[in-house]
Amino acid sequence: MYAPPTGLEFRQIAIPTSIESPDAADFIEMVRVRNLVYLEMNGHDDERIAPEELLPAMQRTDYEIRLVWLAVQDGETIGRVGVDIPLEEDSKVVFWRIELLRSSWGRGVGTAGHALVERVAREHGRTVLQSWTSHPDAPGPRLSPPTGFGSIPDDHAARFYRRHGYSLEQVERNSALDIHEALPRLRDLHAEALAASGDYRIVQWFLPTPPEFVAGYGWMKSRMITDAPAAAMEFDEEEWDAARLRRHEAIYLDAGRPMQVTAAQHIATGELCAFNELVIGSDLTEATHQEDTLVLAEHRGHRLGLLVKCAALLAWRDFAPDSPRVLTYNAEENRPMLDINEAMGFVPIAYGGAWKKVLDA
């Protein structure tokens, strides 16, 4: 019979209103250990974030509850547990993460953390548990998802998920682009995309979104749920009105993290129909992160994905010339977007698994 590790505590963090608040110490410690875990997992520091930059994303909103615990054993912080609870009507899902320093593996800490995740999910009436994790490439047995696209090593993390009743539903590719090396290629591809997309023009802005683009940008954000490949992972349909878009933008604006949005606009109708997001921390010498990219299904076939990606990166060089690389994530079955990335010069650096479990009612 399983017994929780001795000396282990999951200490729920009260999210402070400011890093300078007297109650911010646990939050700052959580970010410290988060950054160490990501460095161990990825072998690079490009996922590091400062506490003041992460704090706005952790605040409770009308759209999601974000809960987080420090994992502390014998007085030492060894990781964190997080549960995100969407507040869409009739939602069945929770999203979670258990991130532990490698030195704490094999002690039963992850299993104890997962028991906490399941308890919180049941308390909120949720039955679909979903999670993503990184799987560094390694020799040996591999696992493939039902999509038939991609695979991951059957490693420590994969064995943990399967032992707790999860199925691998999708494989994601993490790719990186050396911006400096890619510039000539990006200019050539941009010219090709412009020639193929004569009915469209590029519009571009940094957050906050200009009022004339709020409705169109919000509509495209809502379509990420319906138009992007999700395999058998479950997501609630979302309504992105102006209030929701402005709350989303505040995560970046309040953190001092600049985000550039590049969109394709249909000239005849004025409709926004494709977009790309690039974001960076307050230190413009860090890696750039490409967040959402989407071409609305009804506008595909005009090379708009290539157009917005190339236009975005060419403009980004003027804003953050010392950012050395761009990181992005794509489902392995999203072949059209991977074709674009590969043509631009993105190369795979890691793979991730999307995992799902359905609880008994």
Protein backbone atom coordinates (compact mmCIF):
# COMPACT_ATOMS: atom_id res chain seq x y z
CA MET A 1 0.00 0.00 0.00
CA TYR A 2 1.32 3.43 -0.95
CA ALA A 3 2.45 5.67 1.93
CA PRO A 4 3.29 9.35 1.32
CA PRO A 5 6.96 10.27 1.84
CA THR A 6 7.86 11.38 5.32
CA GLY A 7 8.65 15.04 5.83
CA LEU A 8 6.77 16.06 2.65
CA GLU A 9 4.48 19.10 2.59
CA PHE A 10 2.52 20.66 -0.27
CA ARG A 11 2.18 24.29 0.77
CA GLN A 12 -0.41 26.21 -1.21
CA ILE A 13 0.81 29.61 -2.31
CA ALA A 14 -1.32 32.68 -1.81
CA ILE A 15 -0.70 34.65 -5.00
CA PRO A 16 0.54 38.10 -3.94
CA THR A 17 -0.57 41.31 -5.58
CA SER A 18 3.04 42.48 -5.89
CA ILE A 19 6.52 41.01 -5.66
CA GLU A 20 7.17 43.62 -2.95
CA SER A 21 4.25 42.33 -0.86
CA PRO A 22 5.14 40.84 2.56
CA ASP A 23 3.49 37.56 1.50
CA ALA A 24 5.47 37.18 -1.77
CA ALA A 25 8.28 34.98 -0.42
CA ASP A 26 6.65 31.65 -1.31
CA PHE A 27 5.82 32.88 -4.81
CA ILE A 28 9.40 34.01 -5.39
CA GLU A 29 10.65 30.64 -4.13
CA MET A 30 8.24 28.84 -6.46
CA VAL A 31 9.61 30.73 -9.46
CA ARG A 32 13.18 29.98 -8.40
CA VAL A 33 12.59 26.23 -8.30
CA ARG A 34 10.50 26.37 -11.49
CA ASN A 35 13.44 27.89 -13.33
CA LEU A 36 15.83 25.26 -11.97
CA VAL A 37 13.52 22.43 -13.06
CA TYR A 38 13.24 23.87 -16.58
CA LEU A 39 17.03 24.24 -16.80
CA GLU A 40 17.48 20.59 -15.76
CA MET A 41 14.77 19.41 -18.13
CA ASN A 42 15.77 21.41 -21.21
CA GLY A 43 19.52 21.82 -20.84
CA HIS A 44 19.18 25.56 -21.53
CA ASP A 45 17.84 28.61 -19.72
CA ASP A 46 15.52 29.94 -22.43
CA GLU A 47 12.41 29.10 -20.39
CA ARG A 48 13.56 31.12 -17.38
CA ILE A 49 11.26 33.90 -16.21
CA ALA A 50 11.58 36.52 -13.47
CA PRO A 51 9.04 36.44 -10.62
CA GLU A 52 7.66 39.88 -11.49
CA GLU A 53 7.10 38.74 -15.09
CA LEU A 54 5.26 35.54 -14.12
CA LEU A 55 3.08 37.10 -11.42
CA PRO A 56 0.44 38.71 -13.70
CA ALA A 57 -0.23 35.34 -15.37
CA MET A 58 -0.97 33.73 -11.99
CA GLN A 59 -3.73 36.09 -10.89
CA ARG A 60 -7.26 34.72 -10.69
CA THR A 61 -9.60 35.90 -13.42
CA ASP A 62 -13.21 35.37 -14.48
CA TYR A 63 -11.94 32.78 -16.98
CA GLU A 64 -9.59 30.53 -14.98
CA ILE A 65 -8.48 29.61 -11.48
CA ARG A 66 -4.75 28.92 -11.13
CA LEU A 67 -3.65 27.06 -8.01
CA VAL A 68 -0.04 26.30 -7.10
CA TRP A 69 1.73 24.52 -4.26
CA LEU A 70 5.36 24.38 -3.20
CA ALA A 71 6.63 20.82 -2.71
CA VAL A 72 8.76 21.00 0.44
CA GLN A 73 10.53 18.00 1.98
CA ASP A 74 12.37 18.28 5.27
CA GLY A 75 12.39 22.06 4.87
CA GLU A 76 13.86 22.03 1.34
CA THR A 77 11.88 23.20 -1.70
CA ILE A 78 12.07 20.41 -4.27
CA GLY A 79 9.42 21.43 -6.82
CA ARG A 80 5.91 22.67 -7.42
CA VAL A 81 2.43 21.41 -8.27
CA GLY A 82 0.00 23.49 -10.33
CA VAL A 83 -3.64 23.05 -11.31
CA ASP A 84 -5.41 25.32 -13.81
CA ILE A 85 -9.22 25.22 -13.76
CA PRO A 86 -11.07 26.78 -16.72
CA LEU A 87 -14.31 28.52 -15.79
CA GLU A 88 -16.18 27.95 -19.05
CA GLU A 89 -19.76 26.78 -18.49
CA ASP A 90 -20.04 22.98 -18.06
CA SER A 91 -16.26 22.54 -18.27
CA LYS A 92 -15.02 19.04 -17.41
CA VAL A 93 -11.28 19.66 -17.66
CA VAL A 94 -8.34 20.62 -15.51
CA PHE A 95 -4.76 21.15 -16.64
CA TRP A 96 -1.93 20.32 -14.26
CA ARG A 97 1.82 20.14 -13.84
CA ILE A 98 4.12 18.46 -11.33
CA GLU A 99 7.67 19.77 -11.68
CA LEU A 100 10.34 18.33 -9.41
CA LEU A 101 14.08 18.69 -9.15
CA ARG A 102 15.77 15.56 -10.44
CA SER A 103 17.41 14.90 -7.06
CA SER A 104 13.92 14.29 -5.61
CA TRP A 105 12.86 11.66 -8.17
CA GLY A 106 12.10 8.16 -7.00
CA ARG A 107 10.87 9.11 -3.53
CA GLY A 108 7.12 9.02 -4.21
CA VAL A 109 6.82 12.81 -4.29
CA GLY A 110 5.25 12.82 -7.76
CA THR A 111 2.69 10.22 -6.74
CA ALA A 112 1.75 12.26 -3.68
CA GLY A 113 1.47 15.36 -5.87
CA HIS A 114 -0.77 13.53 -8.30
CA ALA A 115 -3.07 12.50 -5.45
CA LEU A 116 -3.39 16.21 -4.67
CA VAL A 117 -4.19 16.96 -8.33
CA GLU A 118 -6.94 14.32 -8.43
CA ARG A 119 -8.45 15.54 -5.17
CA VAL A 120 -8.60 19.13 -6.39
CA ALA A 121 -10.10 18.03 -9.73
CA ARG A 122 -12.86 16.08 -7.97
CA GLU A 123 -13.54 18.97 -5.59
CA HIS A 124 -14.21 21.15 -8.64
CA GLY A 125 -16.35 18.52 -10.39
CA ARG A 126 -13.79 17.85 -13.14
CA THR A 127 -13.25 14.44 -14.70
CA VAL A 128 -10.78 15.10 -17.54
CA LEU A 129 -7.18 15.59 -16.39
CA GLN A 130 -4.66 16.80 -18.98
CA SER A 131 -0.99 17.60 -18.79
CA TRP A 132 2.08 18.24 -20.96
CA THR A 133 5.66 17.31 -20.27
CA SER A 134 9.01 17.43 -22.01
CA HIS A 135 10.69 14.20 -23.08
CA PRO A 136 14.37 14.72 -24.00
CA ASP A 137 15.31 12.42 -26.86
CA ALA A 138 17.05 9.22 -25.79
CA PRO A 139 17.76 5.74 -27.18
CA GLY A 140 15.54 2.80 -26.30
CA PRO A 141 11.81 1.99 -26.45
CA ARG A 142 9.48 4.67 -27.73
CA LEU A 143 5.80 5.57 -27.47
CA SER A 144 3.61 6.86 -30.33
CA PRO A 145 0.25 8.62 -29.98
CA PRO A 146 -2.95 7.49 -31.77
CA THR A 147 -2.45 10.32 -34.30
CA GLY A 148 0.45 8.33 -35.78
CA PHE A 149 2.65 11.45 -35.81
CA GLY A 150 5.82 11.62 -33.77
CA SER A 151 7.07 9.61 -30.82
CA ILE A 152 8.73 10.07 -27.45
CA PRO A 153 11.11 7.90 -25.44
CA ASP A 154 9.49 5.67 -22.83
CA ASP A 155 11.35 7.60 -20.14
CA HIS A 156 10.89 8.42 -16.44
CA ALA A 157 8.10 10.93 -17.13
CA ALA A 158 6.27 8.67 -19.59
CA ARG A 159 6.34 5.79 -17.13
CA PHE A 160 4.94 8.07 -14.42
CA TYR A 161 1.99 9.11 -16.58
CA ARG A 162 1.19 5.59 -17.70
CA ARG A 163 1.46 4.25 -14.17
CA HIS A 164 -1.18 6.77 -13.10
CA GLY A 165 -3.62 5.85 -15.87
CA TYR A 166 -2.82 8.41 -18.58
CA SER A 167 -2.75 7.89 -22.32
CA LEU A 168 -0.38 9.69 -24.68
CA GLU A 169 -2.66 11.60 -27.08
CA GLN A 170 -0.32 13.87 -29.02
CA VAL A 171 3.37 14.64 -29.56
CA GLU A 172 4.57 18.23 -29.83
CA ARG A 173 7.79 19.41 -31.41
CA ASN A 174 9.80 22.21 -29.80
CA SER A 175 11.79 23.98 -32.52
CA ALA A 176 14.34 26.78 -32.48
CA LEU A 177 15.45 29.26 -35.13
CA ASP A 178 18.76 31.11 -35.23
CA ILE A 179 17.40 34.50 -36.29
CA HIS A 180 20.69 35.96 -37.50
CA GLU A 181 21.51 32.99 -39.73
CA ALA A 182 17.95 32.85 -41.11
CA LEU A 183 17.55 36.49 -42.18
CA PRO A 184 18.41 36.11 -45.90
CA ARG A 185 16.14 33.08 -46.17
CA LEU A 186 13.32 34.91 -44.38
CA ARG A 187 13.52 37.81 -46.82
CA ASP A 188 13.27 35.47 -49.82
CA LEU A 189 10.34 33.52 -48.32
CA HIS A 190 8.58 36.73 -47.40
CA ALA A 191 8.77 37.89 -51.00
CA GLU A 192 7.35 34.54 -52.18
CA ALA A 193 4.49 34.75 -49.69
CA LEU A 194 3.66 38.32 -50.70
CA ALA A 195 3.43 37.28 -54.34
CA ALA A 196 1.03 34.44 -53.47
CA SER A 197 -1.25 36.46 -51.19
CA GLY A 198 -2.26 39.44 -53.27
CA ASP A 199 -5.74 39.66 -51.73
CA TYR A 200 -4.27 40.23 -48.27
CA ARG A 201 -2.11 42.79 -46.50
CA ILE A 202 -0.10 42.75 -43.28
CA VAL A 203 -1.17 44.77 -40.24
CA GLN A 204 1.05 44.79 -37.17
CA TRP A 205 1.02 46.15 -33.65
CA PHE A 206 2.44 45.79 -30.16
CA LEU A 207 0.02 45.24 -27.31
CA PRO A 208 -2.35 46.79 -26.42
CA THR A 209 -4.31 46.01 -29.56
CA PRO A 210 -5.65 49.08 -31.40
CA PRO A 211 -9.45 49.39 -30.99
CA GLU A 212 -10.12 48.72 -34.69
CA PHE A 213 -8.52 45.26 -34.42
CA VAL A 214 -9.92 44.10 -31.06
CA ALA A 215 -12.94 42.23 -32.44
CA GLY A 216 -10.99 40.52 -35.23
CA TYR A 217 -8.05 39.54 -33.03
CA GLY A 218 -10.37 38.25 -30.32
CA TRP A 219 -12.26 36.14 -32.87
CA MET A 220 -9.00 34.60 -34.10
CA LYS A 221 -7.92 33.83 -30.52
CA SER A 222 -11.20 32.01 -29.96
CA ARG A 223 -10.59 29.95 -33.10
CA MET A 224 -7.35 28.54 -31.66
CA ILE A 225 -9.58 26.03 -29.85
CA THR A 226 -11.48 24.88 -32.95
CA ASP A 227 -8.93 25.27 -35.76
CA ALA A 228 -5.63 24.06 -34.26
CA PRO A 229 -4.87 20.29 -34.16
CA ALA A 230 -5.71 18.92 -30.70
CA ALA A 231 -5.90 15.12 -31.25
CA ALA A 232 -8.10 13.69 -28.46
CA MET A 233 -7.19 16.39 -25.94
CA GLU A 234 -10.27 18.26 -24.73
CA PHE A 235 -10.64 22.04 -24.68
CA ASP A 236 -13.64 24.21 -23.90
CA GLU A 237 -14.83 26.56 -26.59
CA GLU A 238 -14.04 30.10 -25.52
CA GLU A 239 -15.73 33.41 -26.19
CA TRP A 240 -13.19 36.17 -26.60
CA ASP A 241 -14.98 39.50 -26.20
CA ALA A 242 -13.11 42.78 -25.69
CA ALA A 243 -12.97 42.31 -21.91
CA ARG A 244 -11.36 38.88 -22.21
CA LEU A 245 -8.84 40.08 -24.77
CA ARG A 246 -7.85 43.04 -22.61
CA ARG A 247 -7.43 40.76 -19.57
CA HIS A 248 -5.21 38.46 -21.66
CA GLU A 249 -3.14 41.40 -22.84
CA ALA A 250 -2.68 42.61 -19.26
CA ILE A 251 -0.70 39.43 -18.51
CA TYR A 252 2.02 40.74 -20.85
CA LEU A 253 1.63 44.48 -20.32
CA ASP A 254 1.70 44.25 -16.51
CA ALA A 255 4.74 41.96 -16.71
CA GLY A 256 6.66 44.30 -18.99
CA ARG A 257 6.87 41.54 -21.63
CA PRO A 258 6.50 43.10 -25.11
CA MET A 259 4.29 41.18 -27.54
CA GLN A 260 4.12 41.87 -31.26
CA VAL A 261 1.06 40.71 -33.19
CA THR A 262 1.33 40.32 -36.96
CA ALA A 263 -1.96 39.71 -38.79
CA ALA A 264 -3.08 39.17 -42.36
CA GLN A 265 -6.09 41.26 -43.33
CA HIS A 266 -8.37 40.43 -46.25
CA ILE A 267 -8.29 43.62 -48.30
CA ALA A 268 -11.80 43.37 -49.74
CA THR A 269 -13.58 42.75 -46.42
CA GLY A 270 -11.17 44.06 -43.79
CA GLU A 271 -11.39 40.70 -41.97
CA LEU A 272 -8.39 39.56 -39.95
CA CYS A 273 -7.77 35.98 -40.97
CA ALA A 274 -4.28 34.93 -39.82
CA PHE A 275 -1.95 35.97 -37.02
CA ASN A 276 1.37 35.36 -35.31
CA GLU A 277 2.53 36.40 -31.84
CA LEU A 278 6.12 37.02 -30.74
CA VAL A 279 6.99 37.82 -27.11
CA ILE A 280 10.12 38.42 -25.09
CA GLY A 281 10.98 39.34 -21.52
CA SER A 282 12.09 42.77 -20.41
CA ASP A 283 15.65 41.72 -21.30
CA LEU A 284 15.71 42.01 -25.09
CA THR A 285 18.82 39.83 -25.33
CA GLU A 286 16.85 36.76 -24.21
CA ALA A 287 15.35 34.17 -26.53
CA THR A 288 12.10 35.14 -28.24
CA HIS A 289 9.03 32.95 -27.83
CA GLN A 290 6.57 32.46 -30.65
CA GLU A 291 3.18 31.95 -29.07
CA ASP A 292 -0.04 31.47 -31.05
CA THR A 293 0.01 31.28 -34.83
CA LEU A 294 -3.15 30.49 -36.80
CA VAL A 295 -4.66 30.80 -40.25
CA LEU A 296 -8.45 30.62 -40.14
CA ALA A 297 -9.59 27.48 -41.93
CA GLU A 298 -11.62 29.36 -44.54
CA HIS A 299 -8.57 31.42 -45.60
CA ARG A 300 -6.03 28.63 -45.97
CA GLY A 301 -4.23 27.98 -49.25
CA HIS A 302 -2.87 31.53 -49.77
CA ARG A 303 0.47 31.09 -47.93
CA LEU A 304 -0.74 33.31 -45.11
CA GLY A 305 1.03 31.25 -42.44
CA LEU A 306 4.35 31.84 -44.16
CA LEU A 307 3.45 35.49 -44.72
CA VAL A 308 2.67 36.36 -41.10
CA LYS A 309 5.61 34.37 -39.71
CA CYS A 310 8.18 35.96 -42.02
CA ALA A 311 6.74 39.46 -41.70
CA ALA A 312 6.75 39.05 -37.92
CA LEU A 313 10.39 38.01 -37.68
CA LEU A 314 11.66 40.61 -40.13
CA ALA A 315 9.98 43.37 -38.11
CA TRP A 316 11.13 41.79 -34.84
CA ARG A 317 14.78 42.23 -35.84
CA ASP A 318 14.31 45.99 -35.67
CA PHE A 319 12.78 45.74 -32.20
CA ALA A 320 15.01 43.11 -30.57
CA PRO A 321 18.15 42.80 -32.71
CA ASP A 322 20.11 41.04 -29.96
CA SER A 323 17.60 38.26 -29.33
CA PRO A 324 19.52 35.25 -30.70
CA ARG A 325 16.78 32.71 -31.37
CA VAL A 326 13.06 32.00 -31.50
CA LEU A 327 11.39 29.03 -29.81
CA THR A 328 8.08 27.56 -30.94
CA TYR A 329 5.88 24.50 -30.31
CA ASN A 330 3.74 22.63 -32.84
CA ALA A 331 1.76 19.40 -32.90
CA GLU A 332 3.59 16.77 -34.95
CA GLU A 333 0.47 16.24 -37.08
CA ASN A 334 0.37 19.95 -37.97
CA ARG A 335 2.35 19.28 -41.12
CA PRO A 336 1.46 22.55 -42.90
CA MET A 337 2.90 24.63 -40.05
CA LEU A 338 5.93 22.37 -39.66
CA ASP A 339 6.61 22.69 -43.40
CA ILE A 340 6.67 26.46 -42.97
CA ASN A 341 8.93 26.27 -39.93
CA GLU A 342 11.38 23.93 -41.66
CA ALA A 343 11.53 26.13 -44.75
CA MET A 344 12.33 29.11 -42.50
CA GLY A 345 15.14 27.18 -40.78
CA PHE A 346 13.57 26.01 -37.51
CA VAL A 347 15.16 22.81 -36.22
CA PRO A 348 13.78 20.40 -33.59
CA ILE A 349 15.40 20.66 -30.16
CA ALA A 350 12.96 18.69 -27.97
CA TYR A 351 9.66 16.84 -27.97
CA GLY A 352 6.72 16.95 -25.62
CA GLY A 353 3.88 14.62 -24.76
CA ALA A 354 0.23 15.60 -24.28
CA TRP A 355 -1.33 13.25 -21.71
CA LYS A 356 -4.97 12.66 -20.74
CA LYS A 357 -6.87 10.71 -18.09
CA VAL A 358 -10.63 10.47 -17.53
CA LEU A 359 -11.67 9.95 -13.93
CA ASP A 360 -14.51 7.68 -12.93
CA ALA A 361 -17.65 9.71 -12.21
